[in-house]
Structures are given as C-alpha cells and as structure tokens.
Amino acid sequence: MLGMEVVYRIITSSSSPEDLKQSINSSGIFLDNNLIDKVLKRFRFGHGKPLQALELFKFTANRKGFYHTPNSLDTMLYIWAKSSI
C-alpha cells in the first residue's frame, strides 16, 4: 500500500511528464500490474487529474516487458470518459 501512495503523490505533484518519469525511476519502486491497477483506481475514485493518470498509463505502457491488464485499461477509459463530461 505504501508504494501506491508514493507513486500517487509523485504523479500528482509532478510538473511535467519528464518530471514524472524521472521521479518514478529514481523512487526505486517496482511498477507491477497490481500497483498500477491500484494507482489508477485511486484516480478513478479520487479527485486526481485525468491527464496525470494518462501520463502514468503511457509511461508504464512504454516500459519494456510491461503490458496493461484489462482492468487497468478499463479503469483508464473510465477516468478519461468521466473527465470528458
């Protein structure tokens, strides 16, 4: 649970996509599917900014060997749709 909070804070406090990438890389936290699902759920049920969630989604999707789960894709689509209303 601690890793999820740290990653969520990094995302919400990052001033740019590059800052987000650098902060996550230097955090030493291993980004697995379970962690990404939890962070995206936090955005879904919280008041996080959808563009920040999208940056995390894109960043992790571009990592070698990482594939989003159907759950993380569904959650990201929900976040994005909710923000478009």
PDB file of N, CA and C in Angstrom:
ATOM      1  N   MET A   1       0.826  -1.195   0.000  1.00  0.00           N
ATOM      2  CA  MET A   1       0.000   0.000   0.000  1.00  0.00           C
ATOM      3  C   MET A   1       0.864   1.251   0.000  1.00  0.00           C
ATOM      4  N   LEU A   2       2.007   1.179   0.651  1.00  0.00           N
ATOM      5  CA  LEU A   2       2.891   2.327   0.731  1.00  0.00           C
ATOM      6  C   LEU A   2       3.379   2.739  -0.654  1.00  0.00           C
ATOM      7  N   GLY A   3       3.727   1.766  -1.505  1.00  0.00           N
ATOM      8  CA  GLY A   3       4.190   2.065  -2.849  1.00  0.00           C
ATOM      9  C   GLY A   3       3.147   2.801  -3.655  1.00  0.00           C
ATOM     10  N   MET A   4       1.874   2.410  -3.491  1.00  0.00           N
ATOM     11  CA  MET A   4       0.793   3.065  -4.212  1.00  0.00           C
ATOM     12  C   MET A   4       0.692   4.529  -3.815  1.00  0.00           C
ATOM     13  N   GLU A   5       0.788   4.812  -2.535  1.00  0.00           N
ATOM     14  CA  GLU A   5       0.720   6.192  -2.060  1.00  0.00           C
ATOM     15  C   GLU A   5       1.883   7.021  -2.595  1.00  0.00           C
ATOM     16  N   VAL A   6       3.067   6.442  -2.595  1.00  0.00           N
ATOM     17  CA  VAL A   6       4.250   7.157  -3.089  1.00  0.00           C
ATOM     18  C   VAL A   6       4.097   7.464  -4.575  1.00  0.00           C
ATOM     19  N   VAL A   7       3.694   6.479  -5.354  1.00  0.00           N
ATOM     20  CA  VAL A   7       3.527   6.692  -6.790  1.00  0.00           C
ATOM     21  C   VAL A   7       2.424   7.708  -7.050  1.00  0.00           C
ATOM     22  N   TYR A   8       1.320   7.630  -6.319  1.00  0.00           N
ATOM     23  CA  TYR A   8       0.225   8.597  -6.485  1.00  0.00           C
ATOM     24  C   TYR A   8       0.710  10.012  -6.193  1.00  0.00           C
ATOM     25  N   ARG A   9       1.462  10.179  -5.124  1.00  0.00           N
ATOM     26  CA  ARG A   9       1.994  11.518  -4.779  1.00  0.00           C
ATOM     27  C   ARG A   9       2.977  12.017  -5.829  1.00  0.00           C
ATOM     28  N   ILE A  10       3.808  11.129  -6.347  1.00  0.00           N
ATOM     29  CA  ILE A  10       4.746  11.528  -7.408  1.00  0.00           C
ATOM     30  C   ILE A  10       3.966  12.041  -8.611  1.00  0.00           C
ATOM     31  N   ILE A  11       2.940  11.309  -8.997  1.00  0.00           N
ATOM     32  CA  ILE A  11       2.164  11.687 -10.180  1.00  0.00           C
ATOM     33  C   ILE A  11       1.452  13.011  -9.964  1.00  0.00           C
ATOM     34  N   THR A  12       0.807  13.166  -8.828  1.00  0.00           N
ATOM     35  CA  THR A  12       0.023  14.385  -8.602  1.00  0.00           C
ATOM     36  C   THR A  12       0.891  15.614  -8.340  1.00  0.00           C
ATOM     37  N   SER A  13       2.131  15.414  -7.981  1.00  0.00           N
ATOM     38  CA  SER A  13       2.993  16.574  -7.715  1.00  0.00           C
ATOM     39  C   SER A  13       3.972  16.867  -8.854  1.00  0.00           C
ATOM     40  N   SER A  14       4.011  16.017  -9.861  1.00  0.00           N
ATOM     41  CA  SER A  14       4.942  16.225 -10.973  1.00  0.00           C
ATOM     42  C   SER A  14       4.475  17.387 -11.846  1.00  0.00           C
ATOM     43  N   SER A  15       5.423  18.196 -12.242  1.00  0.00           N
ATOM     44  CA  SER A  15       5.088  19.382 -13.036  1.00  0.00           C
ATOM     45  C   SER A  15       5.092  19.115 -14.540  1.00  0.00           C
ATOM     46  N   SER A  16       5.629  17.970 -14.951  1.00  0.00           N
ATOM     47  CA  SER A  16       5.681  17.649 -16.373  1.00  0.00           C
ATOM     48  C   SER A  16       5.827  16.138 -16.533  1.00  0.00           C
ATOM     49  N   PRO A  17       5.548  15.624 -17.721  1.00  0.00           N
ATOM     50  CA  PRO A  17       5.746  14.186 -17.947  1.00  0.00           C
ATOM     51  C   PRO A  17       7.190  13.746 -17.710  1.00  0.00           C
ATOM     52  N   GLU A  18       8.138  14.590 -18.056  1.00  0.00           N
ATOM     53  CA  GLU A  18       9.546  14.251 -17.838  1.00  0.00           C
ATOM     54  C   GLU A  18       9.867  14.178 -16.350  1.00  0.00           C
ATOM     55  N   ASP A  19       9.308  15.112 -15.581  1.00  0.00           N
ATOM     56  CA  ASP A  19       9.496  15.114 -14.134  1.00  0.00           C
ATOM     57  C   ASP A  19       8.891  13.848 -13.532  1.00  0.00           C
ATOM     58  N   LEU A  20       7.716  13.458 -14.014  1.00  0.00           N
ATOM     59  CA  LEU A  20       7.065  12.242 -13.543  1.00  0.00           C
ATOM     60  C   LEU A  20       7.946  11.030 -13.790  1.00  0.00           C
ATOM     61  N   LYS A  21       8.454  10.901 -15.012  1.00  0.00           N
ATOM     62  CA  LYS A  21       9.301   9.762 -15.362  1.00  0.00           C
ATOM     63  C   LYS A  21      10.549   9.710 -14.498  1.00  0.00           C
ATOM     64  N   GLN A  22      11.194  10.844 -14.349  1.00  0.00           N
ATOM     65  CA  GLN A  22      12.425  10.896 -13.565  1.00  0.00           C
ATOM     66  C   GLN A  22      12.155  10.541 -12.097  1.00  0.00           C
ATOM     67  N   SER A  23      11.077  11.089 -11.549  1.00  0.00           N
ATOM     68  CA  SER A  23      10.755  10.830 -10.144  1.00  0.00           C
ATOM     69  C   SER A  23      10.409   9.366  -9.898  1.00  0.00           C
ATOM     70  N   ILE A  24       9.640   8.779 -10.798  1.00  0.00           N
ATOM     71  CA  ILE A  24       9.293   7.359 -10.627  1.00  0.00           C
ATOM     72  C   ILE A  24      10.535   6.491 -10.774  1.00  0.00           C
ATOM     73  N   ASN A  25      11.363   6.778 -11.777  1.00  0.00           N
ATOM     74  CA  ASN A  25      12.584   5.986 -11.974  1.00  0.00           C
ATOM     75  C   ASN A  25      13.516   6.071 -10.780  1.00  0.00           C
ATOM     76  N   SER A  26      13.611   7.244 -10.173  1.00  0.00           N
ATOM     77  CA  SER A  26      14.534   7.398  -9.041  1.00  0.00           C
ATOM     78  C   SER A  26      13.930   6.926  -7.720  1.00  0.00           C
ATOM     79  N   SER A  27      12.624   6.625  -7.698  1.00  0.00           N
ATOM     80  CA  SER A  27      11.978   6.191  -6.451  1.00  0.00           C
ATOM     81  C   SER A  27      12.393   4.774  -6.051  1.00  0.00           C
ATOM     82  N   GLY A  28      12.795   3.961  -7.035  1.00  0.00           N
ATOM     83  CA  GLY A  28      13.167   2.583  -6.745  1.00  0.00           C
ATOM     84  C   GLY A  28      11.972   1.650  -6.567  1.00  0.00           C
ATOM     85  N   ILE A  29      10.770   2.147  -6.811  1.00  0.00           N
ATOM     86  CA  ILE A  29       9.566   1.326  -6.665  1.00  0.00           C
ATOM     87  C   ILE A  29       9.347   0.521  -7.937  1.00  0.00           C
ATOM     88  N   PHE A  30       9.109  -0.762  -7.774  1.00  0.00           N
ATOM     89  CA  PHE A  30       8.860  -1.643  -8.910  1.00  0.00           C
ATOM     90  C   PHE A  30       7.414  -1.481  -9.354  1.00  0.00           C
ATOM     91  N   LEU A  31       7.227  -1.094 -10.610  1.00  0.00           N
ATOM     92  CA  LEU A  31       5.888  -0.859 -11.143  1.00  0.00           C
ATOM     93  C   LEU A  31       5.343  -2.140 -11.756  1.00  0.00           C
ATOM     94  N   ASP A  32       4.576  -2.869 -10.959  1.00  0.00           N
ATOM     95  CA  ASP A  32       3.944  -4.074 -11.489  1.00  0.00           C
ATOM     96  C   ASP A  32       2.470  -3.792 -11.766  1.00  0.00           C
ATOM     97  N   ASN A  33       1.792  -4.755 -12.376  1.00  0.00           N
ATOM     98  CA  ASN A  33       0.388  -4.565 -12.741  1.00  0.00           C
ATOM     99  C   ASN A  33      -0.499  -4.278 -11.539  1.00  0.00           C
ATOM    100  N   ASN A  34      -0.249  -4.959 -10.454  1.00  0.00           N
ATOM    101  CA  ASN A  34      -1.054  -4.762  -9.255  1.00  0.00           C
ATOM    102  C   ASN A  34      -0.946  -3.323  -8.754  1.00  0.00           C
ATOM    103  N   LEU A  35       0.258  -2.793  -8.716  1.00  0.00           N
ATOM    104  CA  LEU A  35       0.469  -1.425  -8.254  1.00  0.00           C
ATOM    105  C   LEU A  35      -0.186  -0.419  -9.205  1.00  0.00           C
ATOM    106  N   ILE A  36      -0.007  -0.602 -10.499  1.00  0.00           N
ATOM    107  CA  ILE A  36      -0.598   0.321 -11.474  1.00  0.00           C
ATOM    108  C   ILE A  36      -2.116   0.279 -11.374  1.00  0.00           C
ATOM    109  N   ASP A  37      -2.697  -0.903 -11.233  1.00  0.00           N
ATOM    110  CA  ASP A  37      -4.148  -1.013 -11.066  1.00  0.00           C
ATOM    111  C   ASP A  37      -4.628  -0.226  -9.849  1.00  0.00           C
ATOM    112  N   LYS A  38      -3.904  -0.330  -8.739  1.00  0.00           N
ATOM    113  CA  LYS A  38      -4.291   0.380  -7.515  1.00  0.00           C
ATOM    114  C   LYS A  38      -4.181   1.891  -7.679  1.00  0.00           C
ATOM    115  N   VAL A  39      -3.114   2.349  -8.312  1.00  0.00           N
ATOM    116  CA  VAL A  39      -2.941   3.791  -8.513  1.00  0.00           C
ATOM    117  C   VAL A  39      -4.036   4.338  -9.427  1.00  0.00           C
ATOM    118  N   LEU A  40      -4.331   3.625 -10.504  1.00  0.00           N
ATOM    119  CA  LEU A  40      -5.390   4.080 -11.403  1.00  0.00           C
ATOM    120  C   LEU A  40      -6.749   4.068 -10.706  1.00  0.00           C
ATOM    121  N   LYS A  41      -6.997   3.082  -9.854  1.00  0.00           N
ATOM    122  CA  LYS A  41      -8.246   3.074  -9.086  1.00  0.00           C
ATOM    123  C   LYS A  41      -8.327   4.276  -8.166  1.00  0.00           C
ATOM    124  N   ARG A  42      -7.196   4.665  -7.616  1.00  0.00           N
ATOM    125  CA  ARG A  42      -7.174   5.851  -6.754  1.00  0.00           C
ATOM    126  C   ARG A  42      -7.572   7.083  -7.560  1.00  0.00           C
ATOM    127  N   PHE A  43      -7.094   7.194  -8.794  1.00  0.00           N
ATOM    128  CA  PHE A  43      -7.510   8.294  -9.662  1.00  0.00           C
ATOM    129  C   PHE A  43      -8.997   8.192  -9.987  1.00  0.00           C
ATOM    130  N   ARG A  44      -9.460   6.977 -10.226  1.00  0.00           N
ATOM    131  CA  ARG A  44     -10.865   6.778 -10.595  1.00  0.00           C
ATOM    132  C   ARG A  44     -11.805   7.241  -9.489  1.00  0.00           C
ATOM    133  N   PHE A  45     -11.488   6.892  -8.257  1.00  0.00           N
ATOM    134  CA  PHE A  45     -12.384   7.197  -7.151  1.00  0.00           C
ATOM    135  C   PHE A  45     -11.991   8.450  -6.374  1.00  0.00           C
ATOM    136  N   GLY A  46     -10.869   9.041  -6.740  1.00  0.00           N
ATOM    137  CA  GLY A  46     -10.432  10.261  -6.090  1.00  0.00           C
ATOM    138  C   GLY A  46     -10.656  11.464  -6.987  1.00  0.00           C
ATOM    139  N   HIS A  47      -9.930  12.478  -6.701  1.00  0.00           N
ATOM    140  CA  HIS A  47     -10.065  13.708  -7.473  1.00  0.00           C
ATOM    141  C   HIS A  47      -8.778  14.050  -8.206  1.00  0.00           C
ATOM    142  N   GLY A  48      -8.050  13.014  -8.598  1.00  0.00           N
ATOM    143  CA  GLY A  48      -6.822  13.234  -9.354  1.00  0.00           C
ATOM    144  C   GLY A  48      -7.129  13.746 -10.744  1.00  0.00           C
ATOM    145  N   LYS A  49      -6.173  14.380 -11.339  1.00  0.00           N
ATOM    146  CA  LYS A  49      -6.357  14.927 -12.683  1.00  0.00           C
ATOM    147  C   LYS A  49      -6.187  13.819 -13.717  1.00  0.00           C
ATOM    148  N   PRO A  50      -7.138  13.704 -14.643  1.00  0.00           N
ATOM    149  CA  PRO A  50      -7.092  12.632 -15.646  1.00  0.00           C
ATOM    150  C   PRO A  50      -5.831  12.646 -16.501  1.00  0.00           C
ATOM    151  N   LEU A  51      -5.306  13.819 -16.824  1.00  0.00           N
ATOM    152  CA  LEU A  51      -4.091  13.866 -17.644  1.00  0.00           C
ATOM    153  C   LEU A  51      -2.898  13.280 -16.910  1.00  0.00           C
ATOM    154  N   GLN A  52      -2.865  13.421 -15.609  1.00  0.00           N
ATOM    155  CA  GLN A  52      -1.789  12.827 -14.824  1.00  0.00           C
ATOM    156  C   GLN A  52      -1.902  11.303 -14.841  1.00  0.00           C
ATOM    157  N   ALA A  53      -3.123  10.795 -14.738  1.00  0.00           N
ATOM    158  CA  ALA A  53      -3.334   9.347 -14.813  1.00  0.00           C
ATOM    159  C   ALA A  53      -2.925   8.829 -16.186  1.00  0.00           C
ATOM    160  N   LEU A  54      -3.252   9.589 -17.219  1.00  0.00           N
ATOM    161  CA  LEU A  54      -2.884   9.193 -18.575  1.00  0.00           C
ATOM    162  C   LEU A  54      -1.371   9.159 -18.748  1.00  0.00           C
ATOM    163  N   GLU A  55      -0.659  10.098 -18.146  1.00  0.00           N
ATOM    164  CA  GLU A  55       0.805  10.097 -18.226  1.00  0.00           C
ATOM    165  C   GLU A  55       1.383   8.837 -17.590  1.00  0.00           C
ATOM    166  N   LEU A  56       0.845   8.435 -16.445  1.00  0.00           N
ATOM    167  CA  LEU A  56       1.302   7.189 -15.818  1.00  0.00           C
ATOM    168  C   LEU A  56       1.000   6.010 -16.732  1.00  0.00           C
ATOM    169  N   PHE A  57      -0.193   5.979 -17.297  1.00  0.00           N
ATOM    170  CA  PHE A  57      -0.603   4.892 -18.175  1.00  0.00           C
ATOM    171  C   PHE A  57       0.336   4.787 -19.375  1.00  0.00           C
ATOM    172  N   LYS A  58       0.628   5.910 -20.005  1.00  0.00           N
ATOM    173  CA  LYS A  58       1.528   5.912 -21.170  1.00  0.00           C
ATOM    174  C   LYS A  58       2.950   5.542 -20.766  1.00  0.00           C
ATOM    175  N   PHE A  59       3.418   6.079 -19.643  1.00  0.00           N
ATOM    176  CA  PHE A  59       4.775   5.798 -19.180  1.00  0.00           C
ATOM    177  C   PHE A  59       4.970   4.304 -18.949  1.00  0.00           C
ATOM    178  N   THR A  60       4.023   3.691 -18.260  1.00  0.00           N
ATOM    179  CA  THR A  60       4.171   2.264 -17.973  1.00  0.00           C
ATOM    180  C   THR A  60       3.997   1.421 -19.237  1.00  0.00           C
ATOM    181  N   ALA A  61       3.122   1.849 -20.141  1.00  0.00           N
ATOM    182  CA  ALA A  61       2.907   1.104 -21.387  1.00  0.00           C
ATOM    183  C   ALA A  61       4.164   1.072 -22.240  1.00  0.00           C
ATOM    184  N   ASN A  62       5.004   2.078 -22.117  1.00  0.00           N
ATOM    185  CA  ASN A  62       6.231   2.151 -22.912  1.00  0.00           C
ATOM    186  C   ASN A  62       7.416   1.434 -22.271  1.00  0.00           C
ATOM    187  N   ARG A  63       7.222   0.884 -21.080  1.00  0.00           N
ATOM    188  CA  ARG A  63       8.306   0.166 -20.415  1.00  0.00           C
ATOM    189  C   ARG A  63       8.437  -1.224 -21.019  1.00  0.00           C
ATOM    190  N   LYS A  64       9.657  -1.620 -21.233  1.00  0.00           N
ATOM    191  CA  LYS A  64       9.934  -2.933 -21.835  1.00  0.00           C
ATOM    192  C   LYS A  64       9.357  -4.053 -20.963  1.00  0.00           C
ATOM    193  N   GLY A  65       8.586  -4.918 -21.580  1.00  0.00           N
ATOM    194  CA  GLY A  65       8.037  -6.069 -20.890  1.00  0.00           C
ATOM    195  C   GLY A  65       6.793  -5.804 -20.067  1.00  0.00           C
ATOM    196  N   PHE A  66       6.297  -4.579 -20.067  1.00  0.00           N
ATOM    197  CA  PHE A  66       5.103  -4.263 -19.280  1.00  0.00           C
ATOM    198  C   PHE A  66       3.889  -4.218 -20.195  1.00  0.00           C
ATOM    199  N   TYR A  67       2.838  -4.873 -19.768  1.00  0.00           N
ATOM    200  CA  TYR A  67       1.576  -4.849 -20.507  1.00  0.00           C
ATOM    201  C   TYR A  67       0.455  -4.540 -19.531  1.00  0.00           C
ATOM    202  N   HIS A  68      -0.393  -3.606 -19.881  1.00  0.00           N
ATOM    203  CA  HIS A  68      -1.519  -3.276 -19.008  1.00  0.00           C
ATOM    204  C   HIS A  68      -2.515  -4.416 -18.962  1.00  0.00           C
ATOM    205  N   THR A  69      -3.119  -4.582 -17.812  1.00  0.00           N
ATOM    206  CA  THR A  69      -4.167  -5.581 -17.646  1.00  0.00           C
ATOM    207  C   THR A  69      -5.469  -5.031 -18.219  1.00  0.00           C
ATOM    208  N   PRO A  70      -6.409  -5.913 -18.515  1.00  0.00           N
ATOM    209  CA  PRO A  70      -7.730  -5.416 -18.939  1.00  0.00           C
ATOM    210  C   PRO A  70      -8.346  -4.489 -17.888  1.00  0.00           C
ATOM    211  N   ASN A  71      -8.052  -4.762 -16.621  1.00  0.00           N
ATOM    212  CA  ASN A  71      -8.571  -3.919 -15.547  1.00  0.00           C
ATOM    213  C   ASN A  71      -7.990  -2.507 -15.605  1.00  0.00           C
ATOM    214  N   SER A  72      -6.685  -2.375 -15.833  1.00  0.00           N
ATOM    215  CA  SER A  72      -6.091  -1.039 -15.886  1.00  0.00           C
ATOM    216  C   SER A  72      -6.569  -0.281 -17.129  1.00  0.00           C
ATOM    217  N   LEU A  73      -6.750  -0.980 -18.218  1.00  0.00           N
ATOM    218  CA  LEU A  73      -7.285  -0.344 -19.424  1.00  0.00           C
ATOM    219  C   LEU A  73      -8.709   0.142 -19.178  1.00  0.00           C
ATOM    220  N   ASP A  74      -9.545  -0.697 -18.582  1.00  0.00           N
ATOM    221  CA  ASP A  74     -10.916  -0.314 -18.274  1.00  0.00           C
ATOM    222  C   ASP A  74     -10.949   0.889 -17.328  1.00  0.00           C
ATOM    223  N   THR A  75     -10.103   0.873 -16.320  1.00  0.00           N
ATOM    224  CA  THR A  75     -10.059   1.979 -15.360  1.00  0.00           C
ATOM    225  C   THR A  75      -9.616   3.266 -16.034  1.00  0.00           C
ATOM    226  N   MET A  76      -8.600   3.175 -16.903  1.00  0.00           N
ATOM    227  CA  MET A  76      -8.137   4.372 -17.603  1.00  0.00           C
ATOM    228  C   MET A  76      -9.226   4.923 -18.513  1.00  0.00           C
ATOM    229  N   LEU A  77      -9.935   4.053 -19.213  1.00  0.00           N
ATOM    230  CA  LEU A  77     -11.032   4.506 -20.065  1.00  0.00           C
ATOM    231  C   LEU A  77     -12.128   5.176 -19.235  1.00  0.00           C
ATOM    232  N   TYR A  78     -12.418   4.641 -18.070  1.00  0.00           N
ATOM    233  CA  TYR A  78     -13.408   5.239 -17.193  1.00  0.00           C
ATOM    234  C   TYR A  78     -12.968   6.632 -16.735  1.00  0.00           C
ATOM    235  N   ILE A  79     -11.717   6.751 -16.334  1.00  0.00           N
ATOM    236  CA  ILE A  79     -11.186   8.051 -15.897  1.00  0.00           C
ATOM    237  C   ILE A  79     -11.306   9.057 -17.020  1.00  0.00           C
ATOM    238  N   TRP A  80     -10.912   8.647 -18.203  1.00  0.00           N
ATOM    239  CA  TRP A  80     -10.919   9.551 -19.355  1.00  0.00           C
ATOM    240  C   TRP A  80     -12.351   9.949 -19.713  1.00  0.00           C
ATOM    241  N   ALA A  81     -13.269   8.976 -19.724  1.00  0.00           N
ATOM    242  CA  ALA A  81     -14.664   9.279 -20.059  1.00  0.00           C
ATOM    243  C   ALA A  81     -15.304  10.192 -19.027  1.00  0.00           C
ATOM    244  N   LYS A  82     -15.001   9.964 -17.780  1.00  0.00           N
ATOM    245  CA  LYS A  82     -15.548  10.785 -16.699  1.00  0.00           C
ATOM    246  C   LYS A  82     -15.072  12.234 -16.836  1.00  0.00           C
ATOM    247  N   SER A  83     -13.869  12.417 -17.308  1.00  0.00           N
ATOM    248  CA  SER A  83     -13.312  13.769 -17.418  1.00  0.00           C
ATOM    249  C   SER A  83     -13.866  14.513 -18.626  1.00  0.00           C
ATOM    250  N   SER A  84     -14.413  13.781 -19.592  1.00  0.00           N
ATOM    251  CA  SER A  84     -14.904  14.402 -20.826  1.00  0.00           C
ATOM    252  C   SER A  84     -16.313  14.942 -20.687  1.00  0.00           C
ATOM    253  N   ILE A  85     -16.948  14.688 -19.578  1.00  0.00           N
ATOM    254  CA  ILE A  85     -18.345  15.128 -19.390  1.00  0.00           C
ATOM    255  C   ILE A  85     -18.402  16.564 -18.967  1.00  0.00           C
TER     256      ILE A  85
END
